[in-house]
Amino acid sequence: MQIYIFIPLVLLLTACSDGGDATRGTDDGEHVWSEQVNTIDKARGVEDILGEANDKQREDIDRQSQ
């Protein structure tokens, strides 16, 4: 009875294995997700710039409304 449970579990683990390491990097020495990480970093930089512009605009509006 235990063999009927063990065999499907082994097959499931084998099927889920990708056979590789996603963190090993590319041929040029960069991380596999480096392009996506760079894009996120650029988006954070743009977010900071927009936040500063928003703060300045709010200060200008507050100054004009006084």
C-alpha atoms as a PDB file:
ATOM      1  CA  MET A   1       0.000   0.000   0.000  1.00  0.00           C
ATOM      2  CA  GLN A   2       2.830   2.402   0.786  1.00  0.00           C
ATOM      3  CA  ILE A   3       4.347   1.829  -2.660  1.00  0.00           C
ATOM      4  CA  TYR A   4       1.168   3.233  -4.239  1.00  0.00           C
ATOM      5  CA  ILE A   5       1.727   6.478  -2.359  1.00  0.00           C
ATOM      6  CA  PHE A   6       5.495   6.600  -2.814  1.00  0.00           C
ATOM      7  CA  ILE A   7       5.613   6.161  -6.607  1.00  0.00           C
ATOM      8  CA  PRO A   8       3.268   9.085  -7.455  1.00  0.00           C
ATOM      9  CA  LEU A   9       5.151  11.329  -5.050  1.00  0.00           C
ATOM     10  CA  VAL A  10       8.475  10.517  -6.721  1.00  0.00           C
ATOM     11  CA  LEU A  11       6.957  11.080 -10.163  1.00  0.00           C
ATOM     12  CA  LEU A  12       5.487  14.389  -9.030  1.00  0.00           C
ATOM     13  CA  LEU A  13       8.811  15.609  -7.662  1.00  0.00           C
ATOM     14  CA  THR A  14      10.586  14.537 -10.838  1.00  0.00           C
ATOM     15  CA  ALA A  15       8.033  16.312 -13.020  1.00  0.00           C
ATOM     16  CA  CYS A  16       8.373  19.527 -11.022  1.00  0.00           C
ATOM     17  CA  SER A  17      12.141  19.592 -11.333  1.00  0.00           C
ATOM     18  CA  ASP A  18      13.380  21.946 -14.066  1.00  0.00           C
ATOM     19  CA  GLY A  19      16.808  20.365 -14.189  1.00  0.00           C
ATOM     20  CA  GLY A  20      18.592  23.703 -14.001  1.00  0.00           C
ATOM     21  CA  ASP A  21      19.411  26.560 -11.728  1.00  0.00           C
ATOM     22  CA  ALA A  22      17.632  29.824 -12.529  1.00  0.00           C
ATOM     23  CA  THR A  23      20.124  31.838 -10.484  1.00  0.00           C
ATOM     24  CA  ARG A  24      23.279  30.652 -12.187  1.00  0.00           C
ATOM     25  CA  GLY A  25      23.510  33.574 -14.611  1.00  0.00           C
ATOM     26  CA  THR A  26      23.996  34.053 -18.313  1.00  0.00           C
ATOM     27  CA  ASP A  27      27.063  33.619 -20.497  1.00  0.00           C
ATOM     28  CA  ASP A  28      28.101  37.255 -20.106  1.00  0.00           C
ATOM     29  CA  GLY A  29      28.212  36.934 -16.307  1.00  0.00           C
ATOM     30  CA  GLU A  30      24.968  38.776 -15.573  1.00  0.00           C
ATOM     31  CA  HIS A  31      22.089  37.444 -13.546  1.00  0.00           C
ATOM     32  CA  VAL A  32      19.255  35.928 -15.562  1.00  0.00           C
ATOM     33  CA  TRP A  33      16.817  38.522 -14.327  1.00  0.00           C
ATOM     34  CA  SER A  34      19.193  41.487 -14.565  1.00  0.00           C
ATOM     35  CA  GLU A  35      17.200  43.146 -17.355  1.00  0.00           C
ATOM     36  CA  GLN A  36      13.994  43.010 -15.316  1.00  0.00           C
ATOM     37  CA  VAL A  37      15.795  44.235 -12.190  1.00  0.00           C
ATOM     38  CA  ASN A  38      17.277  47.144 -14.146  1.00  0.00           C
ATOM     39  CA  THR A  39      13.826  48.047 -15.458  1.00  0.00           C
ATOM     40  CA  ILE A  40      12.393  48.035 -11.931  1.00  0.00           C
ATOM     41  CA  ASP A  41      15.271  50.210 -10.716  1.00  0.00           C
ATOM     42  CA  LYS A  42      14.622  52.714 -13.508  1.00  0.00           C
ATOM     43  CA  ALA A  43      10.917  52.748 -12.625  1.00  0.00           C
ATOM     44  CA  ARG A  44      11.775  53.505  -9.001  1.00  0.00           C
ATOM     45  CA  GLY A  45      13.947  56.398 -10.167  1.00  0.00           C
ATOM     46  CA  VAL A  46      11.094  57.789 -12.247  1.00  0.00           C
ATOM     47  CA  GLU A  47       8.768  57.344  -9.282  1.00  0.00           C
ATOM     48  CA  ASP A  48      11.108  59.447  -7.136  1.00  0.00           C
ATOM     49  CA  ILE A  49      11.249  62.182  -9.762  1.00  0.00           C
ATOM     50  CA  LEU A  50       7.454  62.237 -10.093  1.00  0.00           C
ATOM     51  CA  GLY A  51       7.062  62.316  -6.311  1.00  0.00           C
ATOM     52  CA  GLU A  52       9.361  65.333  -6.056  1.00  0.00           C
ATOM     53  CA  ALA A  53       7.467  67.099  -8.838  1.00  0.00           C
ATOM     54  CA  ASN A  54       4.186  66.325  -7.090  1.00  0.00           C
ATOM     55  CA  ASP A  55       5.478  67.753  -3.798  1.00  0.00           C
ATOM     56  CA  LYS A  56       6.663  70.922  -5.536  1.00  0.00           C
ATOM     57  CA  GLN A  57       3.322  71.325  -7.283  1.00  0.00           C
ATOM     58  CA  ARG A  58       1.435  70.931  -3.983  1.00  0.00           C
ATOM     59  CA  GLU A  59       3.679  73.541  -2.347  1.00  0.00           C
ATOM     60  CA  ASP A  60       3.019  75.934  -5.238  1.00  0.00           C
ATOM     61  CA  ILE A  61      -0.730  75.372  -4.972  1.00  0.00           C
ATOM     62  CA  ASP A  62      -0.655  75.917  -1.194  1.00  0.00           C
ATOM     63  CA  ARG A  63       1.382  79.093  -1.646  1.00  0.00           C
ATOM     64  CA  GLN A  64      -1.039  80.456  -4.255  1.00  0.00           C
ATOM     65  CA  SER A  65      -4.116  79.644  -2.196  1.00  0.00           C
ATOM     66  CA  GLN A  66      -2.892  81.680   0.803  1.00  0.00           C
END
